[in-house]
Amino acid sequence: MSTSYPCPRRGHRVLDAMPGSYETSHIQALVEQLDGAADASYDARAELICLGSAATPAIVHGLPSLGGFGQLTAIEVFQEVADPRCGPALIGLLNSDNPTVREWAAMALASLEIDGAVEPLRRAYRACLDRAFPPDWTEPDGIRWALTELGARSPVVPSLTARLRTDTGVDSPGWPSAHFTAIINDLADHSQLILYSHFWQVDAGRTYGVSGAGLDWQLDWSAPWEHLVEESRTWSLLEASEAPTGNNIFVAPTWIDRTDLYPER
């Protein structure tokens, strides 16, 4: 009989790395529950995380039969357990019909540093562009992040923009908002296109989101790159003119290079 020990999560018990047939069927049932109602799915998720790598094969095997919710929950389990054997399954999810599943799979591949993930991620990014997804949508944004984390993408950071950044700690939220106009012009002058910006307040070591100008601007992505850059500059400068200010207010712009919109095939 398999040995077990108390699990620190929710009082479950963890099986050893070689579960018997009874335990295997139990794990399979937990995988099926990932697609169930919220409470059942959460409990199954917690127990699968407690089981650790012993549950990885069953999750990988059951992944294709799960719906989008179940697959997203399975990705959360993969990230918590950090078993590299889930890598091929995550790569397979890059071809899902569900854009959120594709996005989460891409980000999990990067956070787990899965070997061989770069080329599938590049193909997934090109597929986003082929679907005419704007580059500021969450899926292409997440894939760019993943490629950057894996060292396969190097954002262009002009020298002035790099110099103006203030380090406020490990979770530095960006640049002092007082420099936002200078950053906008510096990026545009170097042919970098700002997609959007978030504002943060740092207070007593804690970071809070702050509402910006709330401008709802969209670009015509069929326009030439130079036109897109200038349109983005115009909208971003307008946003800067209405942005929150203060010594503890920071801005984190997200921008792309021409190569992000026109990647090599």
C-alpha atoms as a PDB file:
ATOM      1  CA  MET A   1       0.000   0.000   0.000  1.00  0.00           C
ATOM      2  CA  SER A   2       1.231   3.491  -0.801  1.00  0.00           C
ATOM      3  CA  THR A   3       2.472   5.581   2.065  1.00  0.00           C
ATOM      4  CA  SER A   4       1.052   9.013   2.719  1.00  0.00           C
ATOM      5  CA  TYR A   5       1.666  12.070   4.881  1.00  0.00           C
ATOM      6  CA  PRO A   6      -0.440  15.042   5.920  1.00  0.00           C
ATOM      7  CA  CYS A   7      -0.746  17.700   3.259  1.00  0.00           C
ATOM      8  CA  PRO A   8      -0.256  21.293   4.436  1.00  0.00           C
ATOM      9  CA  ARG A   9      -3.031  22.426   2.086  1.00  0.00           C
ATOM     10  CA  ARG A  10      -6.644  22.038   3.260  1.00  0.00           C
ATOM     11  CA  GLY A  11      -5.880  18.904   5.288  1.00  0.00           C
ATOM     12  CA  HIS A  12      -5.579  16.514   2.329  1.00  0.00           C
ATOM     13  CA  ARG A  13      -3.123  13.639   2.339  1.00  0.00           C
ATOM     14  CA  VAL A  14      -0.393  13.247  -0.223  1.00  0.00           C
ATOM     15  CA  LEU A  15       0.365   9.929  -1.913  1.00  0.00           C
ATOM     16  CA  ASP A  16       3.876   8.776  -2.650  1.00  0.00           C
ATOM     17  CA  ALA A  17       5.402   9.001  -6.125  1.00  0.00           C
ATOM     18  CA  MET A  18       4.231   5.500  -7.145  1.00  0.00           C
ATOM     19  CA  PRO A  19       0.476   5.381  -6.538  1.00  0.00           C
ATOM     20  CA  GLY A  20      -1.340   2.074  -6.904  1.00  0.00           C
ATOM     21  CA  SER A  21      -4.390   1.413  -9.031  1.00  0.00           C
ATOM     22  CA  TYR A  22      -6.809   2.790  -6.431  1.00  0.00           C
ATOM     23  CA  GLU A  23      -4.834   5.995  -6.072  1.00  0.00           C
ATOM     24  CA  THR A  24      -4.495   6.308  -9.862  1.00  0.00           C
ATOM     25  CA  SER A  25      -8.258   6.123 -10.324  1.00  0.00           C
ATOM     26  CA  HIS A  26      -8.663   8.690  -7.567  1.00  0.00           C
ATOM     27  CA  ILE A  27      -6.276  11.085  -9.332  1.00  0.00           C
ATOM     28  CA  GLN A  28      -8.133  10.574 -12.606  1.00  0.00           C
ATOM     29  CA  ALA A  29     -11.369  11.473 -10.853  1.00  0.00           C
ATOM     30  CA  LEU A  30      -9.765  14.626  -9.486  1.00  0.00           C
ATOM     31  CA  VAL A  31      -8.673  15.619 -12.991  1.00  0.00           C
ATOM     32  CA  GLU A  32     -12.231  15.215 -14.257  1.00  0.00           C
ATOM     33  CA  GLN A  33     -13.458  17.419 -11.399  1.00  0.00           C
ATOM     34  CA  LEU A  34     -11.316  20.314 -12.654  1.00  0.00           C
ATOM     35  CA  ASP A  35     -14.125  20.989 -15.124  1.00  0.00           C
ATOM     36  CA  GLY A  36     -16.826  20.849 -12.482  1.00  0.00           C
ATOM     37  CA  ALA A  37     -18.543  23.466 -10.370  1.00  0.00           C
ATOM     38  CA  ALA A  38     -16.323  26.085  -8.798  1.00  0.00           C
ATOM     39  CA  ASP A  39     -16.107  24.540  -5.318  1.00  0.00           C
ATOM     40  CA  ALA A  40     -15.443  21.025  -6.621  1.00  0.00           C
ATOM     41  CA  SER A  41     -12.891  22.322  -9.103  1.00  0.00           C
ATOM     42  CA  TYR A  42     -11.090  24.319  -6.413  1.00  0.00           C
ATOM     43  CA  ASP A  43     -10.937  21.313  -4.081  1.00  0.00           C
ATOM     44  CA  ALA A  44      -9.637  19.087  -6.890  1.00  0.00           C
ATOM     45  CA  ARG A  45      -7.049  21.718  -7.797  1.00  0.00           C
ATOM     46  CA  ALA A  46      -5.865  21.932  -4.189  1.00  0.00           C
ATOM     47  CA  GLU A  47      -5.570  18.160  -3.831  1.00  0.00           C
ATOM     48  CA  LEU A  48      -3.755  17.749  -7.144  1.00  0.00           C
ATOM     49  CA  ILE A  49      -1.262  20.407  -6.080  1.00  0.00           C
ATOM     50  CA  CYS A  50      -0.740  18.500  -2.836  1.00  0.00           C
ATOM     51  CA  LEU A  51      -0.138  15.299  -4.770  1.00  0.00           C
ATOM     52  CA  GLY A  52       2.596  17.086  -6.685  1.00  0.00           C
ATOM     53  CA  SER A  53       4.455  15.381  -9.511  1.00  0.00           C
ATOM     54  CA  ALA A  54       2.677  12.088  -8.825  1.00  0.00           C
ATOM     55  CA  ALA A  55      -0.400  13.608 -10.452  1.00  0.00           C
ATOM     56  CA  THR A  56       1.315  15.021 -13.524  1.00  0.00           C
ATOM     57  CA  PRO A  57       0.856  12.005 -15.856  1.00  0.00           C
ATOM     58  CA  ALA A  58      -2.871  11.774 -15.105  1.00  0.00           C
ATOM     59  CA  ILE A  59      -3.381  15.502 -15.656  1.00  0.00           C
ATOM     60  CA  VAL A  60      -1.476  15.397 -18.938  1.00  0.00           C
ATOM     61  CA  HIS A  61      -3.488  12.364 -20.058  1.00  0.00           C
ATOM     62  CA  GLY A  62      -6.818  13.934 -19.131  1.00  0.00           C
ATOM     63  CA  LEU A  63      -6.063  17.406 -20.462  1.00  0.00           C
ATOM     64  CA  PRO A  64      -7.562  16.944 -23.982  1.00  0.00           C
ATOM     65  CA  SER A  65     -10.921  15.877 -22.525  1.00  0.00           C
ATOM     66  CA  LEU A  66     -11.239  18.970 -20.336  1.00  0.00           C
ATOM     67  CA  GLY A  67     -13.077  22.112 -21.360  1.00  0.00           C
ATOM     68  CA  GLY A  68     -11.552  25.547 -21.247  1.00  0.00           C
ATOM     69  CA  PHE A  69     -12.184  26.085 -17.523  1.00  0.00           C
ATOM     70  CA  GLY A  70     -10.680  22.727 -16.629  1.00  0.00           C
ATOM     71  CA  GLN A  71      -7.633  23.310 -18.797  1.00  0.00           C
ATOM     72  CA  LEU A  72      -7.026  26.721 -17.239  1.00  0.00           C
ATOM     73  CA  THR A  73      -7.230  25.144 -13.796  1.00  0.00           C
ATOM     74  CA  ALA A  74      -4.863  22.378 -14.893  1.00  0.00           C
ATOM     75  CA  ILE A  75      -2.381  25.042 -16.018  1.00  0.00           C
ATOM     76  CA  GLU A  76      -2.558  26.528 -12.526  1.00  0.00           C
ATOM     77  CA  VAL A  77      -1.730  23.104 -11.088  1.00  0.00           C
ATOM     78  CA  PHE A  78       1.203  22.723 -13.481  1.00  0.00           C
ATOM     79  CA  GLN A  79       2.598  26.071 -12.393  1.00  0.00           C
ATOM     80  CA  GLU A  80       2.257  25.275  -8.693  1.00  0.00           C
ATOM     81  CA  VAL A  81       3.814  21.821  -8.990  1.00  0.00           C
ATOM     82  CA  ALA A  82       6.527  22.926 -11.460  1.00  0.00           C
ATOM     83  CA  ASP A  83       7.034  19.455 -12.921  1.00  0.00           C
ATOM     84  CA  PRO A  84       8.822  19.905 -16.293  1.00  0.00           C
ATOM     85  CA  ARG A  85       7.057  16.816 -17.663  1.00  0.00           C
ATOM     86  CA  CYS A  86       4.040  19.060 -18.267  1.00  0.00           C
ATOM     87  CA  GLY A  87       6.019  20.961 -20.923  1.00  0.00           C
ATOM     88  CA  PRO A  88       4.801  19.042 -24.019  1.00  0.00           C
ATOM     89  CA  ALA A  89       1.200  19.337 -22.816  1.00  0.00           C
ATOM     90  CA  LEU A  90       1.541  23.094 -22.369  1.00  0.00           C
ATOM     91  CA  ILE A  91       3.061  23.391 -25.835  1.00  0.00           C
ATOM     92  CA  GLY A  92       0.110  21.442 -27.196  1.00  0.00           C
ATOM     93  CA  LEU A  93      -2.280  23.902 -25.571  1.00  0.00           C
ATOM     94  CA  LEU A  94      -0.793  26.688 -27.698  1.00  0.00           C
ATOM     95  CA  ASN A  95      -2.985  25.221 -30.470  1.00  0.00           C
ATOM     96  CA  SER A  96      -6.177  25.384 -28.408  1.00  0.00           C
ATOM     97  CA  ASP A  97      -9.293  27.017 -29.846  1.00  0.00           C
ATOM     98  CA  ASN A  98      -9.544  29.015 -26.613  1.00  0.00           C
ATOM     99  CA  PRO A  99      -7.411  32.205 -26.679  1.00  0.00           C
ATOM    100  CA  THR A 100      -7.235  32.393 -22.881  1.00  0.00           C
ATOM    101  CA  VAL A 101      -5.953  28.816 -22.709  1.00  0.00           C
ATOM    102  CA  ARG A 102      -3.307  29.677 -25.313  1.00  0.00           C
ATOM    103  CA  GLU A 103      -2.296  32.767 -23.362  1.00  0.00           C
ATOM    104  CA  TRP A 104      -2.047  30.982 -20.006  1.00  0.00           C
ATOM    105  CA  ALA A 105      -0.137  28.089 -21.560  1.00  0.00           C
ATOM    106  CA  ALA A 106       2.369  30.514 -23.078  1.00  0.00           C
ATOM    107  CA  MET A 107       2.947  32.280 -19.788  1.00  0.00           C
ATOM    108  CA  ALA A 108       3.272  28.963 -17.929  1.00  0.00           C
ATOM    109  CA  LEU A 109       5.896  27.779 -20.405  1.00  0.00           C
ATOM    110  CA  ALA A 110       7.959  30.848 -19.584  1.00  0.00           C
ATOM    111  CA  SER A 111       7.452  30.819 -15.827  1.00  0.00           C
ATOM    112  CA  LEU A 112       8.433  27.127 -15.713  1.00  0.00           C
ATOM    113  CA  GLU A 113      11.351  27.724 -18.148  1.00  0.00           C
ATOM    114  CA  ILE A 114      10.340  24.736 -20.276  1.00  0.00           C
ATOM    115  CA  ASP A 115      13.034  23.616 -22.723  1.00  0.00           C
ATOM    116  CA  GLY A 116      12.071  23.818 -26.378  1.00  0.00           C
ATOM    117  CA  ALA A 117       9.271  26.334 -25.813  1.00  0.00           C
ATOM    118  CA  VAL A 118      10.690  29.234 -27.823  1.00  0.00           C
ATOM    119  CA  GLU A 119       9.872  28.106 -31.365  1.00  0.00           C
ATOM    120  CA  PRO A 120       6.319  26.980 -30.498  1.00  0.00           C
ATOM    121  CA  LEU A 121       5.796  30.352 -28.799  1.00  0.00           C
ATOM    122  CA  ARG A 122       7.048  32.173 -31.883  1.00  0.00           C
ATOM    123  CA  ARG A 123       4.635  30.183 -34.035  1.00  0.00           C
ATOM    124  CA  ALA A 124       1.821  30.952 -31.595  1.00  0.00           C
ATOM    125  CA  TYR A 125       2.619  34.663 -31.781  1.00  0.00           C
ATOM    126  CA  ARG A 126       2.629  34.661 -35.571  1.00  0.00           C
ATOM    127  CA  ALA A 127      -0.696  32.806 -35.454  1.00  0.00           C
ATOM    128  CA  CYS A 128      -2.127  35.646 -33.334  1.00  0.00           C
ATOM    129  CA  LEU A 129      -1.112  38.159 -35.975  1.00  0.00           C
ATOM    130  CA  ASP A 130      -2.495  35.927 -38.715  1.00  0.00           C
ATOM    131  CA  ARG A 131      -5.833  35.972 -36.864  1.00  0.00           C
ATOM    132  CA  ALA A 132      -5.625  39.782 -37.020  1.00  0.00           C
ATOM    133  CA  PHE A 133      -5.520  40.040 -33.231  1.00  0.00           C
ATOM    134  CA  PRO A 134      -4.389  43.568 -32.284  1.00  0.00           C
ATOM    135  CA  PRO A 135      -1.011  43.422 -30.508  1.00  0.00           C
ATOM    136  CA  ASP A 136      -2.481  45.058 -27.406  1.00  0.00           C
ATOM    137  CA  TRP A 137      -4.869  42.126 -26.812  1.00  0.00           C
ATOM    138  CA  THR A 138      -3.999  39.912 -23.872  1.00  0.00           C
ATOM    139  CA  GLU A 139      -2.943  36.815 -25.846  1.00  0.00           C
ATOM    140  CA  PRO A 140      -0.221  38.421 -27.985  1.00  0.00           C
ATOM    141  CA  ASP A 141       0.777  40.504 -24.956  1.00  0.00           C
ATOM    142  CA  GLY A 142       1.191  37.352 -22.867  1.00  0.00           C
ATOM    143  CA  ILE A 143       3.176  35.567 -25.570  1.00  0.00           C
ATOM    144  CA  ARG A 144       5.517  38.541 -25.957  1.00  0.00           C
ATOM    145  CA  TRP A 145       6.059  38.463 -22.200  1.00  0.00           C
ATOM    146  CA  ALA A 146       6.834  34.753 -22.375  1.00  0.00           C
ATOM    147  CA  LEU A 147       9.337  35.209 -25.204  1.00  0.00           C
ATOM    148  CA  THR A 148      10.983  38.052 -23.300  1.00  0.00           C
ATOM    149  CA  GLU A 149      11.247  35.977 -20.129  1.00  0.00           C
ATOM    150  CA  LEU A 150      12.868  33.135 -22.082  1.00  0.00           C
ATOM    151  CA  GLY A 151      15.412  35.504 -23.624  1.00  0.00           C
ATOM    152  CA  ALA A 152      13.976  35.164 -27.136  1.00  0.00           C
ATOM    153  CA  ARG A 153      12.783  38.770 -27.338  1.00  0.00           C
ATOM    154  CA  SER A 154      14.681  41.901 -26.332  1.00  0.00           C
ATOM    155  CA  PRO A 155      12.545  45.019 -25.872  1.00  0.00           C
ATOM    156  CA  VAL A 156      14.091  48.207 -27.224  1.00  0.00           C
ATOM    157  CA  VAL A 157      14.743  50.580 -24.305  1.00  0.00           C
ATOM    158  CA  PRO A 158      16.194  53.930 -25.430  1.00  0.00           C
ATOM    159  CA  SER A 159      18.898  55.377 -23.180  1.00  0.00           C
ATOM    160  CA  LEU A 160      16.806  58.268 -21.816  1.00  0.00           C
ATOM    161  CA  THR A 161      13.924  55.957 -20.964  1.00  0.00           C
ATOM    162  CA  ALA A 162      16.326  53.562 -19.255  1.00  0.00           C
ATOM    163  CA  ARG A 163      17.936  56.404 -17.294  1.00  0.00           C
ATOM    164  CA  LEU A 164      14.631  57.846 -16.066  1.00  0.00           C
ATOM    165  CA  ARG A 165      13.431  54.601 -14.567  1.00  0.00           C
ATOM    166  CA  THR A 166      13.399  54.580 -10.769  1.00  0.00           C
ATOM    167  CA  ASP A 167      13.999  51.391  -8.836  1.00  0.00           C
ATOM    168  CA  THR A 168      11.389  51.185  -6.102  1.00  0.00           C
ATOM    169  CA  GLY A 169      12.113  47.575  -5.211  1.00  0.00           C
ATOM    170  CA  VAL A 170      11.703  44.073  -6.586  1.00  0.00           C
ATOM    171  CA  ASP A 171       8.209  44.855  -7.858  1.00  0.00           C
ATOM    172  CA  SER A 172       9.142  48.241  -9.289  1.00  0.00           C
ATOM    173  CA  PRO A 173       6.035  49.509 -11.078  1.00  0.00           C
ATOM    174  CA  GLY A 174       7.821  51.662 -13.642  1.00  0.00           C
ATOM    175  CA  TRP A 175       8.757  55.315 -14.049  1.00  0.00           C
ATOM    176  CA  PRO A 176       7.855  58.423 -12.015  1.00  0.00           C
ATOM    177  CA  SER A 177       4.750  59.869 -13.649  1.00  0.00           C
ATOM    178  CA  ALA A 178       6.432  63.282 -13.809  1.00  0.00           C
ATOM    179  CA  HIS A 179       8.632  61.875 -16.605  1.00  0.00           C
ATOM    180  CA  PHE A 180       5.777  60.359 -18.606  1.00  0.00           C
ATOM    181  CA  THR A 181       5.841  62.980 -21.387  1.00  0.00           C
ATOM    182  CA  ALA A 182       9.608  62.617 -21.813  1.00  0.00           C
ATOM    183  CA  ILE A 183       9.297  58.838 -21.959  1.00  0.00           C
ATOM    184  CA  ILE A 184       6.526  58.999 -24.572  1.00  0.00           C
ATOM    185  CA  ASN A 185       8.591  61.227 -26.846  1.00  0.00           C
ATOM    186  CA  ASP A 186      11.766  59.229 -26.294  1.00  0.00           C
ATOM    187  CA  LEU A 187      10.066  55.961 -27.245  1.00  0.00           C
ATOM    188  CA  ALA A 188       8.335  57.467 -30.297  1.00  0.00           C
ATOM    189  CA  ASP A 189      11.564  59.154 -31.416  1.00  0.00           C
ATOM    190  CA  HIS A 190      13.135  55.671 -31.420  1.00  0.00           C
ATOM    191  CA  SER A 191      10.231  54.192 -33.429  1.00  0.00           C
ATOM    192  CA  GLN A 192       8.697  52.408 -30.434  1.00  0.00           C
ATOM    193  CA  LEU A 193       4.898  52.193 -30.229  1.00  0.00           C
ATOM    194  CA  ILE A 194       3.169  52.534 -26.848  1.00  0.00           C
ATOM    195  CA  LEU A 195       0.201  50.188 -26.605  1.00  0.00           C
ATOM    196  CA  TYR A 196      -1.151  51.257 -23.219  1.00  0.00           C
ATOM    197  CA  SER A 197       0.009  52.502 -19.821  1.00  0.00           C
ATOM    198  CA  HIS A 198      -0.843  51.622 -16.229  1.00  0.00           C
ATOM    199  CA  PHE A 199      -0.476  53.910 -13.239  1.00  0.00           C
ATOM    200  CA  TRP A 200       0.587  52.839  -9.763  1.00  0.00           C
ATOM    201  CA  GLN A 201       0.863  54.398  -6.344  1.00  0.00           C
ATOM    202  CA  VAL A 202       3.581  53.244  -3.960  1.00  0.00           C
ATOM    203  CA  ASP A 203       2.688  53.842  -0.330  1.00  0.00           C
ATOM    204  CA  ALA A 204       4.610  52.432   2.639  1.00  0.00           C
ATOM    205  CA  GLY A 205       6.111  49.713   0.486  1.00  0.00           C
ATOM    206  CA  ARG A 206       2.773  48.631  -0.969  1.00  0.00           C
ATOM    207  CA  THR A 207       1.702  49.145  -4.588  1.00  0.00           C
ATOM    208  CA  TYR A 208      -1.831  50.092  -5.638  1.00  0.00           C
ATOM    209  CA  GLY A 209      -3.359  50.543  -9.058  1.00  0.00           C
ATOM    210  CA  VAL A 210      -4.428  54.104  -9.870  1.00  0.00           C
ATOM    211  CA  SER A 211      -6.966  55.118 -12.502  1.00  0.00           C
ATOM    212  CA  GLY A 212      -5.518  56.984 -15.452  1.00  0.00           C
ATOM    213  CA  ALA A 213      -7.222  59.273 -17.928  1.00  0.00           C
ATOM    214  CA  GLY A 214      -9.396  56.408 -19.167  1.00  0.00           C
ATOM    215  CA  LEU A 215      -8.974  57.275 -22.836  1.00  0.00           C
ATOM    216  CA  ASP A 216     -10.426  54.615 -25.126  1.00  0.00           C
ATOM    217  CA  TRP A 217      -8.125  54.851 -28.113  1.00  0.00           C
ATOM    218  CA  GLN A 218      -7.627  52.307 -30.855  1.00  0.00           C
ATOM    219  CA  LEU A 219      -5.233  52.219 -33.773  1.00  0.00           C
ATOM    220  CA  ASP A 220      -5.789  51.148 -37.358  1.00  0.00           C
ATOM    221  CA  TRP A 221      -3.268  48.330 -37.507  1.00  0.00           C
ATOM    222  CA  SER A 222      -3.382  48.300 -41.305  1.00  0.00           C
ATOM    223  CA  ALA A 223      -1.681  51.732 -41.340  1.00  0.00           C
ATOM    224  CA  PRO A 224       2.086  52.091 -41.942  1.00  0.00           C
ATOM    225  CA  TRP A 225       4.290  51.666 -38.883  1.00  0.00           C
ATOM    226  CA  GLU A 226       5.446  55.291 -38.827  1.00  0.00           C
ATOM    227  CA  HIS A 227       1.811  56.469 -38.796  1.00  0.00           C
ATOM    228  CA  LEU A 228       0.985  54.070 -35.948  1.00  0.00           C
ATOM    229  CA  VAL A 229       3.897  55.368 -33.881  1.00  0.00           C
ATOM    230  CA  GLU A 230       2.792  58.983 -34.288  1.00  0.00           C
ATOM    231  CA  GLU A 231      -0.855  58.171 -33.554  1.00  0.00           C
ATOM    232  CA  SER A 232       0.242  56.391 -30.396  1.00  0.00           C
ATOM    233  CA  ARG A 233       2.424  59.364 -29.454  1.00  0.00           C
ATOM    234  CA  THR A 234      -0.523  61.752 -29.860  1.00  0.00           C
ATOM    235  CA  TRP A 235      -2.890  59.673 -27.743  1.00  0.00           C
ATOM    236  CA  SER A 236      -0.242  58.949 -25.109  1.00  0.00           C
ATOM    237  CA  LEU A 237       0.628  62.651 -24.757  1.00  0.00           C
ATOM    238  CA  LEU A 238      -3.053  63.398 -24.262  1.00  0.00           C
ATOM    239  CA  GLU A 239      -3.160  60.689 -21.622  1.00  0.00           C
ATOM    240  CA  ALA A 240      -0.074  62.184 -19.960  1.00  0.00           C
ATOM    241  CA  SER A 241      -1.747  65.602 -19.791  1.00  0.00           C
ATOM    242  CA  GLU A 242      -4.590  64.093 -17.748  1.00  0.00           C
ATOM    243  CA  ALA A 243      -2.580  61.491 -15.821  1.00  0.00           C
ATOM    244  CA  PRO A 244      -2.392  61.381 -12.010  1.00  0.00           C
ATOM    245  CA  THR A 245       0.743  62.994 -10.596  1.00  0.00           C
ATOM    246  CA  GLY A 246       2.650  62.902  -7.330  1.00  0.00           C
ATOM    247  CA  ASN A 247       5.961  61.820  -5.880  1.00  0.00           C
ATOM    248  CA  ASN A 248       4.586  58.341  -5.246  1.00  0.00           C
ATOM    249  CA  ILE A 249       2.784  57.901  -8.589  1.00  0.00           C
ATOM    250  CA  PHE A 250       4.456  55.778 -11.247  1.00  0.00           C
ATOM    251  CA  VAL A 251       3.596  54.889 -14.817  1.00  0.00           C
ATOM    252  CA  ALA A 252       4.321  51.606 -16.590  1.00  0.00           C
ATOM    253  CA  PRO A 253       3.935  51.932 -20.366  1.00  0.00           C
ATOM    254  CA  THR A 254       3.872  48.824 -22.543  1.00  0.00           C
ATOM    255  CA  TRP A 255       5.384  49.260 -25.976  1.00  0.00           C
ATOM    256  CA  ILE A 256       6.405  47.229 -29.002  1.00  0.00           C
ATOM    257  CA  ASP A 257       8.970  47.441 -31.753  1.00  0.00           C
ATOM    258  CA  ARG A 258       8.308  47.178 -35.477  1.00  0.00           C
ATOM    259  CA  THR A 259       9.559  43.587 -35.349  1.00  0.00           C
ATOM    260  CA  ASP A 260       6.747  42.693 -32.940  1.00  0.00           C
ATOM    261  CA  LEU A 261       4.149  43.630 -35.563  1.00  0.00           C
ATOM    262  CA  TYR A 262       6.112  42.248 -38.516  1.00  0.00           C
ATOM    263  CA  PRO A 263       8.041  39.229 -37.154  1.00  0.00           C
ATOM    264  CA  GLU A 264      10.288  37.204 -39.408  1.00  0.00           C
ATOM    265  CA  ARG A 265       8.677  34.152 -40.928  1.00  0.00           C
END
